[in-house]
Every structure is written in structure tokens, then in C-alpha cells.
Amino acid sequence: IYTMPQFLEQRYGKTLPVIMAVFWIALYIFVNLT
């Protein structure tokens, strides 16, 4: 595993990792980075 969304895809399917990838990017930019 190299990313957390990759784990979600291999474990659950293709929908959840896209949702979580978008969420993590938004969280990292608008909350953590800022």
C-alpha cells in the first residue's frame, strides 16, 4: 500500500476511495496547510 485511498480501493471498491481522496485533499489544503 502506498496511499490510504489505494487501500480503500483494494479493500472495498472504486467509489469510496474517490470520495475519501477528495476529502483528504480538501482537509489537507483548507484545514492543515492553511
PDB file of all heavy atoms in Angstrom:
ATOM      1  N   ILE A   1       0.856  -1.196   0.000  1.00  0.00           N
ATOM      2  CA  ILE A   1       0.000   0.000   0.000  1.00  0.00           C
ATOM      3  C   ILE A   1       0.888   1.241   0.000  1.00  0.00           C
ATOM      4  O   ILE A   1       1.857   1.329   0.763  1.00  0.00           O
ATOM      5  CB  ILE A   1      -0.918   0.015   1.239  1.00  0.00           C
ATOM      6  CG1 ILE A   1      -1.840  -1.215   1.239  1.00  0.00           C
ATOM      7  CG2 ILE A   1      -1.727   1.297   1.311  1.00  0.00           C
ATOM      8  CD1 ILE A   1      -2.764  -1.316   0.054  1.00  0.00           C
ATOM      9  N   TYR A   2       0.591   2.218  -0.857  1.00  0.00           N
ATOM     10  CA  TYR A   2       1.358   3.465  -0.870  1.00  0.00           C
ATOM     11  C   TYR A   2       0.503   4.689  -0.537  1.00  0.00           C
ATOM     12  O   TYR A   2       1.030   5.746  -0.198  1.00  0.00           O
ATOM     13  CB  TYR A   2       2.075   3.671  -2.216  1.00  0.00           C
ATOM     14  CG  TYR A   2       1.192   3.495  -3.448  1.00  0.00           C
ATOM     15  CD1 TYR A   2       0.348   4.507  -3.878  1.00  0.00           C
ATOM     16  CD2 TYR A   2       1.213   2.309  -4.169  1.00  0.00           C
ATOM     17  CE1 TYR A   2      -0.459   4.347  -4.991  1.00  0.00           C
ATOM     18  CE2 TYR A   2       0.412   2.137  -5.291  1.00  0.00           C
ATOM     19  CZ  TYR A   2      -0.418   3.162  -5.689  1.00  0.00           C
ATOM     20  OH  TYR A   2      -1.223   2.992  -6.792  1.00  0.00           O
ATOM     21  N   THR A   3      -0.830   4.558  -0.668  1.00  0.00           N
ATOM     22  CA  THR A   3      -1.712   5.646  -0.209  1.00  0.00           C
ATOM     23  C   THR A   3      -2.923   5.029   0.486  1.00  0.00           C
ATOM     24  O   THR A   3      -3.283   3.874   0.227  1.00  0.00           O
ATOM     25  CB  THR A   3      -2.215   6.541  -1.356  1.00  0.00           C
ATOM     26  OG1 THR A   3      -3.171   5.815  -2.146  1.00  0.00           O
ATOM     27  CG2 THR A   3      -1.079   7.044  -2.228  1.00  0.00           C
ATOM     28  N   MET A   4      -3.576   5.803   1.329  1.00  0.00           N
ATOM     29  CA  MET A   4      -4.768   5.320   2.020  1.00  0.00           C
ATOM     30  C   MET A   4      -5.950   5.099   1.059  1.00  0.00           C
ATOM     31  O   MET A   4      -6.668   4.109   1.198  1.00  0.00           O
ATOM     32  CB  MET A   4      -5.142   6.290   3.144  1.00  0.00           C
ATOM     33  CG  MET A   4      -4.129   6.312   4.293  1.00  0.00           C
ATOM     34  SD  MET A   4      -3.938   4.702   5.133  1.00  0.00           S
ATOM     35  CE  MET A   4      -2.513   4.006   4.288  1.00  0.00           C
ATOM     36  N   PRO A   5      -6.172   5.979   0.082  1.00  0.00           N
ATOM     37  CA  PRO A   5      -7.238   5.674  -0.893  1.00  0.00           C
ATOM     38  C   PRO A   5      -6.968   4.379  -1.663  1.00  0.00           C
ATOM     39  O   PRO A   5      -7.905   3.664  -2.020  1.00  0.00           O
ATOM     40  CB  PRO A   5      -7.212   6.896  -1.822  1.00  0.00           C
ATOM     41  CG  PRO A   5      -6.712   8.003  -0.972  1.00  0.00           C
ATOM     42  CD  PRO A   5      -5.681   7.355  -0.089  1.00  0.00           C
ATOM     43  N   GLN A   6      -5.698   4.062  -1.930  1.00  0.00           N
ATOM     44  CA  GLN A   6      -5.378   2.813  -2.609  1.00  0.00           C
ATOM     45  C   GLN A   6      -5.821   1.618  -1.764  1.00  0.00           C
ATOM     46  O   GLN A   6      -6.372   0.637  -2.288  1.00  0.00           O
ATOM     47  CB  GLN A   6      -3.875   2.722  -2.879  1.00  0.00           C
ATOM     48  CG  GLN A   6      -3.458   1.422  -3.583  1.00  0.00           C
ATOM     49  CD  GLN A   6      -2.058   0.974  -3.222  1.00  0.00           C
ATOM     50  OE1 GLN A   6      -1.353   1.660  -2.484  1.00  0.00           O
ATOM     51  NE2 GLN A   6      -1.648  -0.170  -3.726  1.00  0.00           N
ATOM     52  N   PHE A   7      -5.589   1.690  -0.452  1.00  0.00           N
ATOM     53  CA  PHE A   7      -6.060   0.616   0.433  1.00  0.00           C
ATOM     54  C   PHE A   7      -7.575   0.477   0.339  1.00  0.00           C
ATOM     55  O   PHE A   7      -8.105  -0.641   0.252  1.00  0.00           O
ATOM     56  CB  PHE A   7      -5.655   0.892   1.880  1.00  0.00           C
ATOM     57  CG  PHE A   7      -6.311  -0.043   2.870  1.00  0.00           C
ATOM     58  CD1 PHE A   7      -5.781  -1.306   3.098  1.00  0.00           C
ATOM     59  CD2 PHE A   7      -7.456   0.331   3.547  1.00  0.00           C
ATOM     60  CE1 PHE A   7      -6.389  -2.183   3.991  1.00  0.00           C
ATOM     61  CE2 PHE A   7      -8.082  -0.536   4.446  1.00  0.00           C
ATOM     62  CZ  PHE A   7      -7.542  -1.797   4.667  1.00  0.00           C
ATOM     63  N   LEU A   8      -8.286   1.603   0.364  1.00  0.00           N
ATOM     64  CA  LEU A   8      -9.745   1.558   0.306  1.00  0.00           C
ATOM     65  C   LEU A   8     -10.235   0.936  -0.990  1.00  0.00           C
ATOM     66  O   LEU A   8     -11.225   0.199  -1.004  1.00  0.00           O
ATOM     67  CB  LEU A   8     -10.318   2.972   0.474  1.00  0.00           C
ATOM     68  CG  LEU A   8     -10.060   3.649   1.822  1.00  0.00           C
ATOM     69  CD1 LEU A   8     -10.634   5.063   1.826  1.00  0.00           C
ATOM     70  CD2 LEU A   8     -10.654   2.831   2.969  1.00  0.00           C
ATOM     71  N   GLU A   9      -9.543   1.231  -2.094  1.00  0.00           N
ATOM     72  CA  GLU A   9      -9.938   0.642  -3.376  1.00  0.00           C
ATOM     73  C   GLU A   9      -9.720  -0.868  -3.376  1.00  0.00           C
ATOM     74  O   GLU A   9     -10.588  -1.629  -3.822  1.00  0.00           O
ATOM     75  CB  GLU A   9      -9.156   1.276  -4.523  1.00  0.00           C
ATOM     76  CG  GLU A   9      -9.554   0.693  -5.878  1.00  0.00           C
ATOM     77  CD  GLU A   9      -8.761   1.264  -7.038  1.00  0.00           C
ATOM     78  OE1 GLU A   9      -7.959   2.191  -6.809  1.00  0.00           O
ATOM     79  OE2 GLU A   9      -8.938   0.784  -8.161  1.00  0.00           O
ATOM     80  N   GLN A  10      -8.569  -1.315  -2.890  1.00  0.00           N
ATOM     81  CA  GLN A  10      -8.280  -2.743  -2.882  1.00  0.00           C
ATOM     82  C   GLN A  10      -9.159  -3.497  -1.887  1.00  0.00           C
ATOM     83  O   GLN A  10      -9.402  -4.702  -2.050  1.00  0.00           O
ATOM     84  CB  GLN A  10      -6.803  -2.981  -2.560  1.00  0.00           C
ATOM     85  CG  GLN A  10      -5.867  -2.549  -3.672  1.00  0.00           C
ATOM     86  CD  GLN A  10      -4.425  -2.927  -3.421  1.00  0.00           C
ATOM     87  OE1 GLN A  10      -3.522  -2.369  -4.019  1.00  0.00           O
ATOM     88  NE2 GLN A  10      -4.195  -3.865  -2.522  1.00  0.00           N
ATOM     89  N   ARG A  11      -9.660  -2.778  -0.876  1.00  0.00           N
ATOM     90  CA  ARG A  11     -10.479  -3.441   0.145  1.00  0.00           C
ATOM     91  C   ARG A  11     -11.981  -3.363  -0.148  1.00  0.00           C
ATOM     92  O   ARG A  11     -12.723  -4.321   0.085  1.00  0.00           O
ATOM     93  CB  ARG A  11     -10.181  -2.808   1.524  1.00  0.00           C
ATOM     94  CG  ARG A  11     -11.050  -3.332   2.660  1.00  0.00           C
ATOM     95  CD  ARG A  11     -10.881  -4.833   2.829  1.00  0.00           C
ATOM     96  NE  ARG A  11     -11.771  -5.365   3.854  1.00  0.00           N
ATOM     97  CZ  ARG A  11     -13.037  -5.688   3.664  1.00  0.00           C
ATOM     98  NH1 ARG A  11     -13.595  -5.535   2.454  1.00  0.00           N
ATOM     99  NH2 ARG A  11     -13.777  -6.180   4.642  1.00  0.00           N
ATOM    100  N   TYR A  12     -12.442  -2.216  -0.657  1.00  0.00           N
ATOM    101  CA  TYR A  12     -13.885  -2.009  -0.773  1.00  0.00           C
ATOM    102  C   TYR A  12     -14.403  -1.891  -2.208  1.00  0.00           C
ATOM    103  O   TYR A  12     -15.495  -2.334  -2.522  1.00  0.00           O
ATOM    104  CB  TYR A  12     -14.294  -0.743  -0.013  1.00  0.00           C
ATOM    105  CG  TYR A  12     -14.220  -0.868   1.489  1.00  0.00           C
ATOM    106  CD1 TYR A  12     -13.255  -0.180   2.224  1.00  0.00           C
ATOM    107  CD2 TYR A  12     -15.126  -1.662   2.183  1.00  0.00           C
ATOM    108  CE1 TYR A  12     -13.198  -0.280   3.615  1.00  0.00           C
ATOM    109  CE2 TYR A  12     -15.076  -1.767   3.571  1.00  0.00           C
ATOM    110  CZ  TYR A  12     -14.116  -1.071   4.272  1.00  0.00           C
ATOM    111  OH  TYR A  12     -14.061  -1.187   5.640  1.00  0.00           O
ATOM    112  N   GLY A  13     -13.654  -1.224  -3.082  1.00  0.00           N
ATOM    113  CA  GLY A  13     -14.162  -0.952  -4.420  1.00  0.00           C
ATOM    114  C   GLY A  13     -13.723   0.424  -4.876  1.00  0.00           C
ATOM    115  O   GLY A  13     -12.873   1.060  -4.240  1.00  0.00           O
ATOM    116  N   LYS A  14     -14.295   0.944  -5.955  1.00  0.00           N
ATOM    117  CA  LYS A  14     -13.789   2.156  -6.590  1.00  0.00           C
ATOM    118  C   LYS A  14     -14.485   3.450  -6.169  1.00  0.00           C
ATOM    119  O   LYS A  14     -13.968   4.532  -6.431  1.00  0.00           O
ATOM    120  CB  LYS A  14     -13.878   2.006  -8.114  1.00  0.00           C
ATOM    121  CG  LYS A  14     -12.964   0.921  -8.662  1.00  0.00           C
ATOM    122  CD  LYS A  14     -12.953   0.887 -10.169  1.00  0.00           C
ATOM    123  CE  LYS A  14     -11.970  -0.161 -10.683  1.00  0.00           C
ATOM    124  NZ  LYS A  14     -11.914  -0.207 -12.165  1.00  0.00           N
ATOM    125  N   THR A  15     -15.650   3.361  -5.540  1.00  0.00           N
ATOM    126  CA  THR A  15     -16.392   4.589  -5.203  1.00  0.00           C
ATOM    127  C   THR A  15     -15.836   5.266  -3.960  1.00  0.00           C
ATOM    128  O   THR A  15     -15.543   6.470  -3.956  1.00  0.00           O
ATOM    129  CB  THR A  15     -17.882   4.271  -4.987  1.00  0.00           C
ATOM    130  OG1 THR A  15     -18.396   3.648  -6.166  1.00  0.00           O
ATOM    131  CG2 THR A  15     -18.663   5.551  -4.706  1.00  0.00           C
ATOM    132  N   LEU A  16     -15.687   4.505  -2.877  1.00  0.00           N
ATOM    133  CA  LEU A  16     -15.243   5.060  -1.595  1.00  0.00           C
ATOM    134  C   LEU A  16     -13.887   5.758  -1.679  1.00  0.00           C
ATOM    135  O   LEU A  16     -13.734   6.866  -1.139  1.00  0.00           O
ATOM    136  CB  LEU A  16     -15.214   3.959  -0.537  1.00  0.00           C
ATOM    137  CG  LEU A  16     -14.818   4.389   0.879  1.00  0.00           C
ATOM    138  CD1 LEU A  16     -15.819   5.386   1.444  1.00  0.00           C
ATOM    139  CD2 LEU A  16     -14.701   3.169   1.788  1.00  0.00           C
ATOM    140  N   PRO A  17     -12.876   5.172  -2.343  1.00  0.00           N
ATOM    141  CA  PRO A  17     -11.562   5.842  -2.370  1.00  0.00           C
ATOM    142  C   PRO A  17     -11.580   7.197  -3.060  1.00  0.00           C
ATOM    143  O   PRO A  17     -10.826   8.096  -2.670  1.00  0.00           O
ATOM    144  CB  PRO A  17     -10.664   4.858  -3.121  1.00  0.00           C
ATOM    145  CG  PRO A  17     -11.566   3.909  -3.795  1.00  0.00           C
ATOM    146  CD  PRO A  17     -12.787   3.835  -2.951  1.00  0.00           C
ATOM    147  N   VAL A  18     -12.429   7.364  -4.070  1.00  0.00           N
ATOM    148  CA  VAL A  18     -12.523   8.670  -4.732  1.00  0.00           C
ATOM    149  C   VAL A  18     -13.112   9.701  -3.773  1.00  0.00           C
ATOM    150  O   VAL A  18     -12.611  10.827  -3.657  1.00  0.00           O
ATOM    151  CB  VAL A  18     -13.384   8.564  -6.010  1.00  0.00           C
ATOM    152  CG1 VAL A  18     -13.627   9.963  -6.588  1.00  0.00           C
ATOM    153  CG2 VAL A  18     -12.714   7.674  -7.035  1.00  0.00           C
ATOM    154  N   ILE A  19     -14.175   9.302  -3.059  1.00  0.00           N
ATOM    155  CA  ILE A  19     -14.794  10.198  -2.071  1.00  0.00           C
ATOM    156  C   ILE A  19     -13.769  10.619  -1.025  1.00  0.00           C
ATOM    157  O   ILE A  19     -13.622  11.797  -0.694  1.00  0.00           O
ATOM    158  CB  ILE A  19     -15.996   9.503  -1.389  1.00  0.00           C
ATOM    159  CG1 ILE A  19     -17.114   9.234  -2.405  1.00  0.00           C
ATOM    160  CG2 ILE A  19     -16.526  10.363  -0.230  1.00  0.00           C
ATOM    161  CD1 ILE A  19     -18.228   8.364  -1.858  1.00  0.00           C
ATOM    162  N   MET A  20     -13.030   9.633  -0.488  1.00  0.00           N
ATOM    163  CA  MET A  20     -12.085   9.923   0.583  1.00  0.00           C
ATOM    164  C   MET A  20     -10.859  10.676   0.067  1.00  0.00           C
ATOM    165  O   MET A  20     -10.295  11.509   0.784  1.00  0.00           O
ATOM    166  CB  MET A  20     -11.653   8.621   1.262  1.00  0.00           C
ATOM    167  CG  MET A  20     -12.784   7.882   1.964  1.00  0.00           C
ATOM    168  SD  MET A  20     -13.722   8.931   3.113  1.00  0.00           S
ATOM    169  CE  MET A  20     -12.450   9.333   4.297  1.00  0.00           C
ATOM    170  N   ALA A  21     -10.428  10.404  -1.167  1.00  0.00           N
ATOM    171  CA  ALA A  21      -9.284  11.134  -1.726  1.00  0.00           C
ATOM    172  C   ALA A  21      -9.606  12.618  -1.843  1.00  0.00           C
ATOM    173  O   ALA A  21      -8.790  13.477  -1.486  1.00  0.00           O
ATOM    174  CB  ALA A  21      -8.904  10.555  -3.082  1.00  0.00           C
ATOM    175  N   VAL A  22     -10.801  12.924  -2.342  1.00  0.00           N
ATOM    176  CA  VAL A  22     -11.227  14.321  -2.455  1.00  0.00           C
ATOM    177  C   VAL A  22     -11.317  14.960  -1.067  1.00  0.00           C
ATOM    178  O   VAL A  22     -10.879  16.107  -0.854  1.00  0.00           O
ATOM    179  CB  VAL A  22     -12.574  14.416  -3.189  1.00  0.00           C
ATOM    180  CG1 VAL A  22     -13.122  15.849  -3.131  1.00  0.00           C
ATOM    181  CG2 VAL A  22     -12.437  13.959  -4.639  1.00  0.00           C
ATOM    182  N   PHE A  23     -11.881  14.221  -0.111  1.00  0.00           N
ATOM    183  CA  PHE A  23     -11.984  14.741   1.254  1.00  0.00           C
ATOM    184  C   PHE A  23     -10.607  15.046   1.835  1.00  0.00           C
ATOM    185  O   PHE A  23     -10.379  16.109   2.406  1.00  0.00           O
ATOM    186  CB  PHE A  23     -12.704  13.735   2.148  1.00  0.00           C
ATOM    187  CG  PHE A  23     -12.347  13.889   3.611  1.00  0.00           C
ATOM    188  CD1 PHE A  23     -12.794  14.976   4.339  1.00  0.00           C
ATOM    189  CD2 PHE A  23     -11.521  12.966   4.237  1.00  0.00           C
ATOM    190  CE1 PHE A  23     -12.431  15.138   5.672  1.00  0.00           C
ATOM    191  CE2 PHE A  23     -11.164  13.116   5.565  1.00  0.00           C
ATOM    192  CZ  PHE A  23     -11.621  14.203   6.285  1.00  0.00           C
ATOM    193  N   TRP A  24      -9.667  14.085   1.701  1.00  0.00           N
ATOM    194  CA  TRP A  24      -8.332  14.287   2.293  1.00  0.00           C
ATOM    195  C   TRP A  24      -7.605  15.470   1.657  1.00  0.00           C
ATOM    196  O   TRP A  24      -6.960  16.253   2.365  1.00  0.00           O
ATOM    197  CB  TRP A  24      -7.495  13.020   2.154  1.00  0.00           C
ATOM    198  CG  TRP A  24      -7.657  12.075   3.312  1.00  0.00           C
ATOM    199  CD1 TRP A  24      -7.599  12.374   4.636  1.00  0.00           C
ATOM    200  CD2 TRP A  24      -7.913  10.668   3.236  1.00  0.00           C
ATOM    201  NE1 TRP A  24      -7.802  11.251   5.397  1.00  0.00           N
ATOM    202  CE2 TRP A  24      -7.994  10.188   4.570  1.00  0.00           C
ATOM    203  CE3 TRP A  24      -8.074   9.765   2.191  1.00  0.00           C
ATOM    204  CZ2 TRP A  24      -8.240   8.847   4.860  1.00  0.00           C
ATOM    205  CZ3 TRP A  24      -8.300   8.435   2.492  1.00  0.00           C
ATOM    206  CH2 TRP A  24      -8.387   7.980   3.816  1.00  0.00           C
ATOM    207  N   ILE A  25      -7.723  15.611   0.363  1.00  0.00           N
ATOM    208  CA  ILE A  25      -7.070  16.747  -0.297  1.00  0.00           C
ATOM    209  C   ILE A  25      -7.653  18.062   0.222  1.00  0.00           C
ATOM    210  O   ILE A  25      -6.920  19.007   0.534  1.00  0.00           O
ATOM    211  CB  ILE A  25      -7.222  16.644  -1.826  1.00  0.00           C
ATOM    212  CG1 ILE A  25      -6.346  15.503  -2.363  1.00  0.00           C
ATOM    213  CG2 ILE A  25      -6.817  17.961  -2.499  1.00  0.00           C
ATOM    214  CD1 ILE A  25      -6.540  15.217  -3.838  1.00  0.00           C
ATOM    215  N   ALA A  26      -8.985  18.123   0.329  1.00  0.00           N
ATOM    216  CA  ALA A  26      -9.637  19.340   0.851  1.00  0.00           C
ATOM    217  C   ALA A  26      -9.217  19.605   2.291  1.00  0.00           C
ATOM    218  O   ALA A  26      -8.927  20.753   2.673  1.00  0.00           O
ATOM    219  CB  ALA A  26     -11.157  19.193   0.754  1.00  0.00           C
ATOM    220  N   LEU A  27      -9.169  18.554   3.113  1.00  0.00           N
ATOM    221  CA  LEU A  27      -8.771  18.703   4.516  1.00  0.00           C
ATOM    222  C   LEU A  27      -7.338  19.210   4.618  1.00  0.00           C
ATOM    223  O   LEU A  27      -7.048  20.145   5.370  1.00  0.00           O
ATOM    224  CB  LEU A  27      -8.899  17.358   5.232  1.00  0.00           C
ATOM    225  CG  LEU A  27      -8.468  17.335   6.705  1.00  0.00           C
ATOM    226  CD1 LEU A  27      -9.450  18.102   7.567  1.00  0.00           C
ATOM    227  CD2 LEU A  27      -8.331  15.896   7.201  1.00  0.00           C
ATOM    228  N   TYR A  28      -6.425  18.603   3.853  1.00  0.00           N
ATOM    229  CA  TYR A  28      -5.023  18.988   3.933  1.00  0.00           C
ATOM    230  C   TYR A  28      -4.785  20.421   3.462  1.00  0.00           C
ATOM    231  O   TYR A  28      -3.966  21.137   4.037  1.00  0.00           O
ATOM    232  CB  TYR A  28      -4.160  18.033   3.100  1.00  0.00           C
ATOM    233  CG  TYR A  28      -4.076  16.627   3.642  1.00  0.00           C
ATOM    234  CD1 TYR A  28      -3.645  15.579   2.841  1.00  0.00           C
ATOM    235  CD2 TYR A  28      -4.431  16.336   4.952  1.00  0.00           C
ATOM    236  CE1 TYR A  28      -3.562  14.277   3.330  1.00  0.00           C
ATOM    237  CE2 TYR A  28      -4.362  15.049   5.446  1.00  0.00           C
ATOM    238  CZ  TYR A  28      -3.929  14.021   4.640  1.00  0.00           C
ATOM    239  OH  TYR A  28      -3.854  12.743   5.123  1.00  0.00           O
ATOM    240  N   ILE A  29      -5.518  20.838   2.426  1.00  0.00           N
ATOM    241  CA  ILE A  29      -5.313  22.195   1.904  1.00  0.00           C
ATOM    242  C   ILE A  29      -5.991  23.236   2.784  1.00  0.00           C
ATOM    243  O   ILE A  29      -5.357  24.189   3.253  1.00  0.00           O
ATOM    244  CB  ILE A  29      -5.840  22.321   0.456  1.00  0.00           C
ATOM    245  CG1 ILE A  29      -5.005  21.462  -0.501  1.00  0.00           C
ATOM    246  CG2 ILE A  29      -5.782  23.795  -0.005  1.00  0.00           C
ATOM    247  CD1 ILE A  29      -5.532  21.455  -1.927  1.00  0.00           C
ATOM    248  N   PHE A  30      -7.300  23.070   3.009  1.00  0.00           N
ATOM    249  CA  PHE A  30      -8.094  24.129   3.635  1.00  0.00           C
ATOM    250  C   PHE A  30      -8.057  24.126   5.162  1.00  0.00           C
ATOM    251  O   PHE A  30      -8.457  25.112   5.783  1.00  0.00           O
ATOM    252  CB  PHE A  30      -9.544  24.043   3.157  1.00  0.00           C
ATOM    253  CG  PHE A  30      -9.705  24.320   1.689  1.00  0.00           C
ATOM    254  CD1 PHE A  30     -10.013  23.309   0.803  1.00  0.00           C
ATOM    255  CD2 PHE A  30      -9.521  25.601   1.184  1.00  0.00           C
ATOM    256  CE1 PHE A  30     -10.144  23.562  -0.553  1.00  0.00           C
ATOM    257  CE2 PHE A  30      -9.654  25.864  -0.171  1.00  0.00           C
ATOM    258  CZ  PHE A  30      -9.960  24.838  -1.042  1.00  0.00           C
ATOM    259  N   VAL A  31      -7.595  23.030   5.764  1.00  0.00           N
ATOM    260  CA  VAL A  31      -7.510  22.985   7.233  1.00  0.00           C
ATOM    261  C   VAL A  31      -6.053  22.909   7.677  1.00  0.00           C
ATOM    262  O   VAL A  31      -5.543  23.799   8.344  1.00  0.00           O
ATOM    263  CB  VAL A  31      -8.322  21.800   7.800  1.00  0.00           C
ATOM    264  CG1 VAL A  31      -8.186  21.747   9.321  1.00  0.00           C
ATOM    265  CG2 VAL A  31      -9.785  21.916   7.410  1.00  0.00           C
ATOM    266  N   ASN A  32      -5.355  21.834   7.290  1.00  0.00           N
ATOM    267  CA  ASN A  32      -3.991  21.623   7.794  1.00  0.00           C
ATOM    268  C   ASN A  32      -2.982  22.621   7.231  1.00  0.00           C
ATOM    269  O   ASN A  32      -2.242  23.275   7.980  1.00  0.00           O
ATOM    270  CB  ASN A  32      -3.542  20.197   7.492  1.00  0.00           C
ATOM    271  CG  ASN A  32      -4.407  19.157   8.164  1.00  0.00           C
ATOM    272  OD1 ASN A  32      -5.039  18.348   7.513  1.00  0.00           O
ATOM    273  ND2 ASN A  32      -4.453  19.171   9.480  1.00  0.00           N
ATOM    274  N   LEU A  33      -2.937  22.737   5.910  1.00  0.00           N
ATOM    275  CA  LEU A  33      -1.938  23.604   5.286  1.00  0.00           C
ATOM    276  C   LEU A  33      -2.159  25.066   5.655  1.00  0.00           C
ATOM    277  O   LEU A  33      -1.215  25.786   6.007  1.00  0.00           O
ATOM    278  CB  LEU A  33      -1.993  23.418   3.769  1.00  0.00           C
ATOM    279  CG  LEU A  33      -0.704  23.672   2.969  1.00  0.00           C
ATOM    280  CD1 LEU A  33       0.448  22.876   3.528  1.00  0.00           C
ATOM    281  CD2 LEU A  33      -0.931  23.331   1.498  1.00  0.00           C
ATOM    282  N   THR A  34      -3.408  25.499   5.590  1.00  0.00           N
ATOM    283  CA  THR A  34      -3.700  26.904   5.926  1.00  0.00           C
ATOM    284  C   THR A  34      -3.359  27.212   7.380  1.00  0.00           C
ATOM    285  O   THR A  34      -2.777  28.258   7.674  1.00  0.00           O
ATOM    286  CB  THR A  34      -5.185  27.234   5.677  1.00  0.00           C
ATOM    287  OG1 THR A  34      -6.008  26.283   6.370  1.00  0.00           O
ATOM    288  CG2 THR A  34      -5.532  27.215   4.202  1.00  0.00           C
TER     289      THR A  34
END
